[in-house]
Amino acid sequence: MNGPTLALLIFALSLIAPAGLIAPAAGAETFATDQLAIQTAAGAQHFAVELAVTSEQRAQGLMYRQRLPADAGMLFLYPEARAVAMWMKNTLIPLDMLFIGEDGRIVHIEERAVPGSTATISSMGPARAVLELNGGTAARLKIQVGDRVLYRTFGTAD
């Protein structure tokens, strides 16, 4: 199956998949799931996340999703902290991107990234992970740079 055909198939499946999650298709990546929290001034905010840990999973990310539940997201994990650059090509929903340092602290937030944009979105410094949430979530929950992500990768989980 060639790239454009696969992309069309993934898009078609995303239209009928429950809760906006893509049903696995030939060539489509599948993702393990987990839970994490962000400690904010207002308290812990909890999310169900899909984990993008391989380069193939990170490349696919949330592309072609029609919607994302309010308490869900995708956590992109990298083997070590490094400069990270992302874009929104083939992404259909606005996203907040939270760039997370080695210690679990949020080092940069890109709010309401524009669907379909090929503009580069940079971590603005070393990041060990990126958490993508629905656009507007950071503002709604008052998530800020310096808030701590509670997750085992960062040694911050309870």
N, C-alpha and C. Protein backbone atom coordinates (compact mmCIF):
# COMPACT_ATOMS: atom_id res chain seq x y z
N MET A 1 0.86 -1.17 0.00
CA MET A 1 0.00 0.00 0.00
C MET A 1 0.90 1.23 0.00
N ASN A 2 0.66 2.16 -0.91
CA ASN A 2 1.51 3.35 -0.99
C ASN A 2 1.10 4.39 0.05
N GLY A 3 1.96 5.40 0.26
CA GLY A 3 1.74 6.42 1.30
C GLY A 3 0.41 7.14 1.20
N PRO A 4 0.04 7.70 0.02
CA PRO A 4 -1.25 8.41 -0.07
C PRO A 4 -2.44 7.50 0.21
N THR A 5 -2.38 6.23 -0.24
CA THR A 5 -3.48 5.30 0.02
C THR A 5 -3.59 5.01 1.51
N LEU A 6 -2.45 4.78 2.17
CA LEU A 6 -2.45 4.53 3.61
C LEU A 6 -2.97 5.74 4.37
N ALA A 7 -2.53 6.93 3.98
CA ALA A 7 -3.00 8.15 4.65
C ALA A 7 -4.52 8.28 4.52
N LEU A 8 -5.06 7.99 3.35
CA LEU A 8 -6.51 8.07 3.14
C LEU A 8 -7.23 7.04 4.00
N LEU A 9 -6.67 5.84 4.09
CA LEU A 9 -7.27 4.79 4.92
C LEU A 9 -7.27 5.20 6.39
N ILE A 10 -6.16 5.72 6.88
CA ILE A 10 -6.09 6.16 8.28
C ILE A 10 -7.11 7.27 8.53
N PHE A 11 -7.20 8.22 7.60
CA PHE A 11 -8.17 9.30 7.75
C PHE A 11 -9.59 8.75 7.80
N ALA A 12 -9.93 7.83 6.89
CA ALA A 12 -11.28 7.25 6.87
C ALA A 12 -11.58 6.53 8.17
N LEU A 13 -10.61 5.77 8.68
CA LEU A 13 -10.82 5.07 9.95
C LEU A 13 -11.02 6.03 11.10
N SER A 14 -10.33 7.17 11.07
CA SER A 14 -10.46 8.13 12.17
C SER A 14 -11.86 8.72 12.23
N LEU A 15 -12.58 8.71 11.12
CA LEU A 15 -13.93 9.25 11.11
C LEU A 15 -14.92 8.35 11.83
N ILE A 16 -14.62 7.06 11.90
CA ILE A 16 -15.56 6.13 12.53
C ILE A 16 -15.06 5.56 13.85
N ALA A 17 -13.82 5.84 14.21
CA ALA A 17 -13.25 5.27 15.44
C ALA A 17 -13.89 5.91 16.67
N PRO A 18 -14.22 5.13 17.72
CA PRO A 18 -14.80 5.71 18.93
C PRO A 18 -13.83 6.63 19.63
N ALA A 19 -14.34 7.69 20.21
CA ALA A 19 -13.57 8.65 21.01
C ALA A 19 -12.43 9.28 20.23
N GLY A 20 -12.48 9.20 18.90
CA GLY A 20 -11.48 9.86 18.10
C GLY A 20 -10.17 9.11 17.98
N LEU A 21 -10.07 7.91 18.52
CA LEU A 21 -8.84 7.15 18.44
C LEU A 21 -8.84 6.32 17.17
N ILE A 22 -7.72 6.28 16.48
CA ILE A 22 -7.62 5.56 15.22
C ILE A 22 -7.59 4.06 15.50
N ALA A 23 -8.43 3.34 14.78
CA ALA A 23 -8.37 1.89 14.85
C ALA A 23 -7.12 1.46 14.09
N PRO A 24 -6.38 0.47 14.60
CA PRO A 24 -5.16 0.06 13.91
C PRO A 24 -5.46 -0.39 12.49
N ALA A 25 -4.66 0.05 11.54
CA ALA A 25 -4.76 -0.35 10.15
C ALA A 25 -3.39 -0.82 9.72
N ALA A 26 -3.35 -1.50 8.60
CA ALA A 26 -2.07 -1.96 8.08
C ALA A 26 -1.13 -0.76 7.96
N GLY A 27 0.02 -0.85 8.60
CA GLY A 27 0.99 0.24 8.52
C GLY A 27 0.80 1.33 9.56
N ALA A 28 -0.36 1.37 10.21
CA ALA A 28 -0.60 2.40 11.24
C ALA A 28 0.02 1.92 12.56
N GLU A 29 0.63 2.85 13.26
CA GLU A 29 1.23 2.53 14.55
C GLU A 29 0.14 2.39 15.61
N THR A 30 0.37 1.51 16.57
CA THR A 30 -0.49 1.41 17.74
C THR A 30 0.31 1.92 18.93
N PHE A 31 -0.40 2.31 19.98
CA PHE A 31 0.24 2.97 21.11
C PHE A 31 -0.20 2.34 22.41
N ALA A 32 0.76 2.09 23.30
CA ALA A 32 0.43 1.69 24.66
C ALA A 32 -0.16 2.91 25.36
N THR A 33 -0.91 2.67 26.43
CA THR A 33 -1.51 3.77 27.18
C THR A 33 -1.04 3.74 28.63
N ASP A 34 -1.15 4.90 29.26
CA ASP A 34 -0.74 5.02 30.66
C ASP A 34 -1.45 6.24 31.25
N GLN A 35 -1.19 6.52 32.50
CA GLN A 35 -1.75 7.67 33.20
C GLN A 35 -0.61 8.55 33.67
N LEU A 36 -0.83 9.85 33.69
CA LEU A 36 0.12 10.78 34.30
C LEU A 36 -0.65 11.94 34.90
N ALA A 37 0.05 12.75 35.65
CA ALA A 37 -0.56 13.95 36.25
C ALA A 37 0.39 15.11 36.07
N ILE A 38 -0.17 16.30 36.08
CA ILE A 38 0.61 17.53 36.08
C ILE A 38 0.28 18.25 37.37
N GLN A 39 1.31 18.52 38.17
CA GLN A 39 1.11 19.25 39.42
C GLN A 39 1.12 20.74 39.11
N THR A 40 -0.04 21.39 39.25
CA THR A 40 -0.18 22.82 39.02
C THR A 40 -0.44 23.52 40.34
N ALA A 41 -0.48 24.83 40.30
CA ALA A 41 -0.80 25.61 41.50
C ALA A 41 -2.18 25.25 42.03
N ALA A 42 -3.07 24.83 41.15
CA ALA A 42 -4.44 24.47 41.54
C ALA A 42 -4.57 23.01 41.95
N GLY A 43 -3.49 22.24 41.88
CA GLY A 43 -3.55 20.82 42.23
C GLY A 43 -3.19 19.95 41.05
N ALA A 44 -3.27 18.65 41.25
CA ALA A 44 -2.90 17.69 40.21
C ALA A 44 -4.00 17.58 39.16
N GLN A 45 -3.59 17.62 37.91
CA GLN A 45 -4.48 17.43 36.77
C GLN A 45 -4.10 16.09 36.13
N HIS A 46 -5.08 15.18 35.99
CA HIS A 46 -4.80 13.81 35.55
C HIS A 46 -5.20 13.61 34.08
N PHE A 47 -4.36 12.82 33.38
CA PHE A 47 -4.59 12.55 31.96
C PHE A 47 -4.32 11.09 31.64
N ALA A 48 -5.12 10.54 30.73
CA ALA A 48 -4.85 9.25 30.11
C ALA A 48 -4.05 9.56 28.85
N VAL A 49 -2.89 8.92 28.70
CA VAL A 49 -2.03 9.25 27.56
C VAL A 49 -1.68 8.01 26.75
N GLU A 50 -1.53 8.22 25.46
CA GLU A 50 -0.94 7.23 24.59
C GLU A 50 0.55 7.55 24.56
N LEU A 51 1.38 6.52 24.45
CA LEU A 51 2.82 6.70 24.52
C LEU A 51 3.44 6.53 23.13
N ALA A 52 4.14 7.55 22.68
CA ALA A 52 4.88 7.50 21.43
C ALA A 52 6.35 7.38 21.79
N VAL A 53 6.88 6.15 21.71
CA VAL A 53 8.25 5.90 22.16
C VAL A 53 9.20 5.52 21.03
N THR A 54 8.68 5.01 19.94
CA THR A 54 9.54 4.67 18.80
C THR A 54 9.52 5.83 17.82
N SER A 55 10.51 5.86 16.95
CA SER A 55 10.55 6.94 15.95
C SER A 55 9.32 6.87 15.04
N GLU A 56 8.82 5.67 14.74
CA GLU A 56 7.62 5.53 13.90
C GLU A 56 6.38 6.08 14.62
N GLN A 57 6.26 5.77 15.90
CA GLN A 57 5.13 6.29 16.68
C GLN A 57 5.21 7.80 16.79
N ARG A 58 6.40 8.33 17.05
CA ARG A 58 6.55 9.79 17.16
C ARG A 58 6.24 10.46 15.82
N ALA A 59 6.59 9.83 14.71
CA ALA A 59 6.30 10.41 13.39
C ALA A 59 4.80 10.45 13.13
N GLN A 60 4.06 9.44 13.55
CA GLN A 60 2.61 9.40 13.33
C GLN A 60 1.88 10.30 14.31
N GLY A 61 2.24 10.22 15.59
CA GLY A 61 1.62 11.06 16.60
C GLY A 61 0.10 11.08 16.53
N LEU A 62 -0.46 12.25 16.62
CA LEU A 62 -1.92 12.41 16.59
C LEU A 62 -2.46 12.79 15.20
N MET A 63 -1.67 12.49 14.18
CA MET A 63 -2.13 12.81 12.82
C MET A 63 -3.46 12.11 12.52
N TYR A 64 -4.30 12.82 11.80
CA TYR A 64 -5.58 12.33 11.28
C TYR A 64 -6.65 12.11 12.34
N ARG A 65 -6.40 12.45 13.58
CA ARG A 65 -7.43 12.30 14.62
C ARG A 65 -8.47 13.40 14.44
N GLN A 66 -9.71 13.05 14.57
CA GLN A 66 -10.81 14.01 14.47
C GLN A 66 -11.07 14.71 15.80
N ARG A 67 -10.78 14.02 16.90
CA ARG A 67 -11.03 14.58 18.23
C ARG A 67 -10.17 13.83 19.24
N LEU A 68 -10.07 14.42 20.40
CA LEU A 68 -9.29 13.85 21.50
C LEU A 68 -10.08 14.12 22.77
N PRO A 69 -10.34 13.11 23.60
CA PRO A 69 -11.07 13.35 24.83
C PRO A 69 -10.38 14.44 25.68
N ALA A 70 -11.17 15.17 26.44
CA ALA A 70 -10.65 16.31 27.22
C ALA A 70 -9.56 15.91 28.20
N ASP A 71 -9.61 14.69 28.72
CA ASP A 71 -8.63 14.25 29.72
C ASP A 71 -7.60 13.30 29.12
N ALA A 72 -7.36 13.42 27.81
CA ALA A 72 -6.43 12.52 27.12
C ALA A 72 -5.35 13.32 26.41
N GLY A 73 -4.30 12.61 26.05
CA GLY A 73 -3.22 13.22 25.30
C GLY A 73 -2.26 12.18 24.79
N MET A 74 -1.16 12.64 24.21
CA MET A 74 -0.10 11.75 23.75
C MET A 74 1.22 12.25 24.31
N LEU A 75 1.97 11.33 24.91
CA LEU A 75 3.27 11.64 25.48
C LEU A 75 4.35 11.09 24.56
N PHE A 76 5.13 11.99 23.96
CA PHE A 76 6.25 11.63 23.10
C PHE A 76 7.49 11.55 23.99
N LEU A 77 8.06 10.37 24.08
CA LEU A 77 9.24 10.17 24.94
C LEU A 77 10.48 9.97 24.08
N TYR A 78 11.56 10.64 24.46
CA TYR A 78 12.84 10.55 23.76
C TYR A 78 13.86 9.88 24.68
N PRO A 79 14.85 9.19 24.12
CA PRO A 79 15.83 8.48 24.95
C PRO A 79 16.62 9.39 25.89
N GLU A 80 16.84 10.63 25.48
CA GLU A 80 17.53 11.60 26.34
C GLU A 80 17.02 13.00 26.00
N ALA A 81 17.30 13.93 26.87
CA ALA A 81 16.88 15.32 26.64
C ALA A 81 17.64 15.87 25.44
N ARG A 82 16.92 16.58 24.57
CA ARG A 82 17.52 17.17 23.38
C ARG A 82 16.59 18.25 22.85
N ALA A 83 17.09 19.02 21.91
CA ALA A 83 16.21 19.99 21.23
C ALA A 83 15.18 19.20 20.43
N VAL A 84 13.93 19.58 20.55
CA VAL A 84 12.85 18.90 19.85
C VAL A 84 12.13 19.91 18.97
N ALA A 85 11.84 19.50 17.74
CA ALA A 85 11.07 20.33 16.82
C ALA A 85 9.90 19.49 16.29
N MET A 86 8.72 20.09 16.28
CA MET A 86 7.52 19.39 15.84
C MET A 86 6.78 20.28 14.85
N TRP A 87 5.78 19.69 14.20
CA TRP A 87 4.88 20.45 13.33
C TRP A 87 3.50 19.84 13.40
N MET A 88 2.56 20.46 12.72
CA MET A 88 1.16 20.03 12.78
C MET A 88 0.66 19.46 11.45
N LYS A 89 1.57 19.16 10.51
CA LYS A 89 1.16 18.62 9.22
C LYS A 89 0.31 17.37 9.45
N ASN A 90 -0.80 17.28 8.75
CA ASN A 90 -1.74 16.16 8.83
C ASN A 90 -2.42 16.02 10.20
N THR A 91 -2.29 17.01 11.04
CA THR A 91 -2.97 17.01 12.34
C THR A 91 -4.22 17.87 12.18
N LEU A 92 -5.37 17.33 12.56
CA LEU A 92 -6.65 17.94 12.26
C LEU A 92 -7.24 18.75 13.41
N ILE A 93 -6.68 18.61 14.60
CA ILE A 93 -7.24 19.30 15.77
C ILE A 93 -6.17 20.22 16.36
N PRO A 94 -6.56 21.37 16.92
CA PRO A 94 -5.57 22.23 17.58
C PRO A 94 -5.03 21.54 18.83
N LEU A 95 -3.75 21.72 19.09
CA LEU A 95 -3.11 21.06 20.22
C LEU A 95 -2.29 22.05 21.05
N ASP A 96 -2.21 21.77 22.34
CA ASP A 96 -1.23 22.40 23.21
C ASP A 96 -0.06 21.42 23.30
N MET A 97 1.16 21.92 23.12
CA MET A 97 2.35 21.08 23.23
C MET A 97 3.13 21.53 24.46
N LEU A 98 3.30 20.61 25.40
CA LEU A 98 4.04 20.89 26.62
C LEU A 98 5.38 20.18 26.53
N PHE A 99 6.46 20.94 26.42
CA PHE A 99 7.80 20.39 26.34
C PHE A 99 8.32 20.20 27.76
N ILE A 100 8.83 19.00 28.04
CA ILE A 100 9.15 18.60 29.41
C ILE A 100 10.64 18.27 29.52
N GLY A 101 11.29 18.84 30.52
CA GLY A 101 12.71 18.60 30.75
C GLY A 101 12.96 17.26 31.43
N GLU A 102 14.23 16.93 31.57
CA GLU A 102 14.67 15.67 32.17
C GLU A 102 14.09 15.46 33.57
N ASP A 103 13.88 16.54 34.32
CA ASP A 103 13.40 16.45 35.70
C ASP A 103 11.87 16.48 35.82
N GLY A 104 11.17 16.48 34.67
CA GLY A 104 9.72 16.49 34.69
C GLY A 104 9.09 17.87 34.70
N ARG A 105 9.91 18.90 34.75
CA ARG A 105 9.38 20.28 34.72
C ARG A 105 9.05 20.69 33.30
N ILE A 106 7.94 21.39 33.14
CA ILE A 106 7.56 21.92 31.83
C ILE A 106 8.48 23.09 31.52
N VAL A 107 9.17 23.01 30.37
CA VAL A 107 10.15 24.04 30.01
C VAL A 107 9.61 25.01 28.96
N HIS A 108 8.57 24.61 28.23
CA HIS A 108 7.98 25.48 27.21
C HIS A 108 6.59 24.95 26.90
N ILE A 109 5.67 25.88 26.62
CA ILE A 109 4.31 25.50 26.21
C ILE A 109 3.99 26.24 24.92
N GLU A 110 3.58 25.48 23.92
CA GLU A 110 3.06 26.06 22.68
C GLU A 110 1.56 25.83 22.71
N GLU A 111 0.80 26.90 22.85
CA GLU A 111 -0.65 26.78 22.98
C GLU A 111 -1.35 26.89 21.64
N ARG A 112 -2.36 26.07 21.49
CA ARG A 112 -3.24 26.09 20.32
C ARG A 112 -2.49 26.06 18.99
N ALA A 113 -1.61 25.08 18.84
CA ALA A 113 -0.89 24.90 17.58
C ALA A 113 -1.92 24.70 16.47
N VAL A 114 -1.67 25.31 15.34
CA VAL A 114 -2.63 25.38 14.23
C VAL A 114 -2.65 24.08 13.43
N PRO A 115 -3.82 23.46 13.30
CA PRO A 115 -3.93 22.22 12.52
C PRO A 115 -3.43 22.43 11.09
N GLY A 116 -2.68 21.42 10.61
CA GLY A 116 -2.19 21.43 9.24
C GLY A 116 -0.95 22.27 8.99
N SER A 117 -0.52 23.04 9.94
CA SER A 117 0.61 23.94 9.74
C SER A 117 1.93 23.15 9.64
N THR A 118 2.79 23.62 8.74
CA THR A 118 4.13 23.03 8.64
C THR A 118 5.17 23.92 9.33
N ALA A 119 4.72 24.93 10.05
CA ALA A 119 5.65 25.77 10.81
C ALA A 119 6.30 24.94 11.91
N THR A 120 7.58 25.15 12.13
CA THR A 120 8.32 24.43 13.15
C THR A 120 7.97 24.97 14.54
N ILE A 121 7.69 24.05 15.44
CA ILE A 121 7.42 24.40 16.84
C ILE A 121 8.57 23.81 17.64
N SER A 122 9.34 24.67 18.29
CA SER A 122 10.56 24.26 18.96
C SER A 122 10.39 24.15 20.47
N SER A 123 11.16 23.25 21.05
CA SER A 123 11.16 23.08 22.50
C SER A 123 11.84 24.25 23.21
N MET A 124 12.57 25.08 22.49
CA MET A 124 13.27 26.25 23.04
C MET A 124 14.35 25.85 24.04
N GLY A 125 14.84 24.63 23.94
CA GLY A 125 15.88 24.11 24.82
C GLY A 125 15.73 22.60 24.91
N PRO A 126 16.56 21.94 25.71
CA PRO A 126 16.48 20.48 25.81
C PRO A 126 15.15 20.02 26.43
N ALA A 127 14.57 18.98 25.82
CA ALA A 127 13.34 18.38 26.33
C ALA A 127 13.49 16.86 26.28
N ARG A 128 13.01 16.20 27.28
CA ARG A 128 13.01 14.72 27.32
C ARG A 128 11.73 14.17 26.75
N ALA A 129 10.67 15.02 26.74
CA ALA A 129 9.36 14.55 26.30
C ALA A 129 8.51 15.74 25.86
N VAL A 130 7.46 15.41 25.12
CA VAL A 130 6.45 16.39 24.74
C VAL A 130 5.10 15.77 25.04
N LEU A 131 4.25 16.52 25.72
CA LEU A 131 2.88 16.08 25.99
C LEU A 131 1.96 16.92 25.13
N GLU A 132 1.20 16.25 24.25
CA GLU A 132 0.22 16.95 23.43
C GLU A 132 -1.16 16.75 24.04
N LEU A 133 -1.85 17.87 24.23
CA LEU A 133 -3.20 17.90 24.79
C LEU A 133 -4.10 18.70 23.85
N ASN A 134 -5.39 18.61 24.03
CA ASN A 134 -6.31 19.44 23.25
C ASN A 134 -5.93 20.90 23.37
N GLY A 135 -6.03 21.62 22.26
CA GLY A 135 -5.77 23.05 22.28
C GLY A 135 -6.65 23.74 23.30
N GLY A 136 -6.07 24.59 24.11
CA GLY A 136 -6.80 25.33 25.14
C GLY A 136 -6.74 24.69 26.52
N THR A 137 -6.24 23.45 26.61
CA THR A 137 -6.19 22.75 27.90
C THR A 137 -5.25 23.45 28.88
N ALA A 138 -4.08 23.87 28.40
CA ALA A 138 -3.12 24.52 29.29
C ALA A 138 -3.73 25.78 29.92
N ALA A 139 -4.40 26.59 29.11
CA ALA A 139 -5.02 27.81 29.64
C ALA A 139 -6.17 27.46 30.58
N ARG A 140 -7.00 26.50 30.18
CA ARG A 140 -8.18 26.14 30.98
C ARG A 140 -7.78 25.62 32.36
N LEU A 141 -6.71 24.81 32.41
CA LEU A 141 -6.28 24.22 33.68
C LEU A 141 -5.15 25.01 34.35
N LYS A 142 -4.79 26.14 33.75
CA LYS A 142 -3.73 27.01 34.28
C LYS A 142 -2.40 26.27 34.42
N ILE A 143 -2.09 25.45 33.41
CA ILE A 143 -0.80 24.76 33.36
C ILE A 143 0.24 25.77 32.89
N GLN A 144 1.36 25.83 33.60
CA GLN A 144 2.37 26.84 33.31
C GLN A 144 3.77 26.23 33.22
N VAL A 145 4.66 26.97 32.56
CA VAL A 145 6.07 26.60 32.56
C VAL A 145 6.52 26.51 34.02
N GLY A 146 7.25 25.46 34.34
CA GLY A 146 7.70 25.22 35.71
C GLY A 146 6.85 24.21 36.45
N ASP A 147 5.60 23.98 35.98
CA ASP A 147 4.78 22.94 36.60
C ASP A 147 5.46 21.59 36.36
N ARG A 148 5.16 20.64 37.23
CA ARG A 148 5.85 19.35 37.21
C ARG A 148 4.94 18.25 36.69
N VAL A 149 5.46 17.46 35.74
CA VAL A 149 4.74 16.30 35.23
C VAL A 149 5.12 15.11 36.10
N LEU A 150 4.11 14.46 36.65
CA LEU A 150 4.32 13.32 37.54
C LEU A 150 4.21 12.04 36.71
N TYR A 151 5.39 11.46 36.41
CA TYR A 151 5.44 10.26 35.58
C TYR A 151 6.76 9.55 35.82
N ARG A 152 6.74 8.24 35.73
CA ARG A 152 7.91 7.43 36.09
C ARG A 152 9.16 7.74 35.27
N THR A 153 9.03 8.10 34.01
CA THR A 153 10.20 8.42 33.18
C THR A 153 11.04 9.53 33.81
N PHE A 154 10.38 10.46 34.49
CA PHE A 154 11.08 11.60 35.09
C PHE A 154 11.43 11.35 36.56
N GLY A 155 11.07 10.19 37.09
CA GLY A 155 11.32 9.88 38.49
C GLY A 155 10.44 10.68 39.42
N THR A 156 9.28 11.11 38.92
CA THR A 156 8.40 11.98 39.71
C THR A 156 7.07 11.31 40.07
N ALA A 157 6.87 10.07 39.64
CA ALA A 157 5.61 9.38 39.93
C ALA A 157 5.59 8.95 41.39
N ASP A 158 4.39 8.94 41.96
CA ASP A 158 4.24 8.52 43.36
C ASP A 158 4.37 7.02 43.52
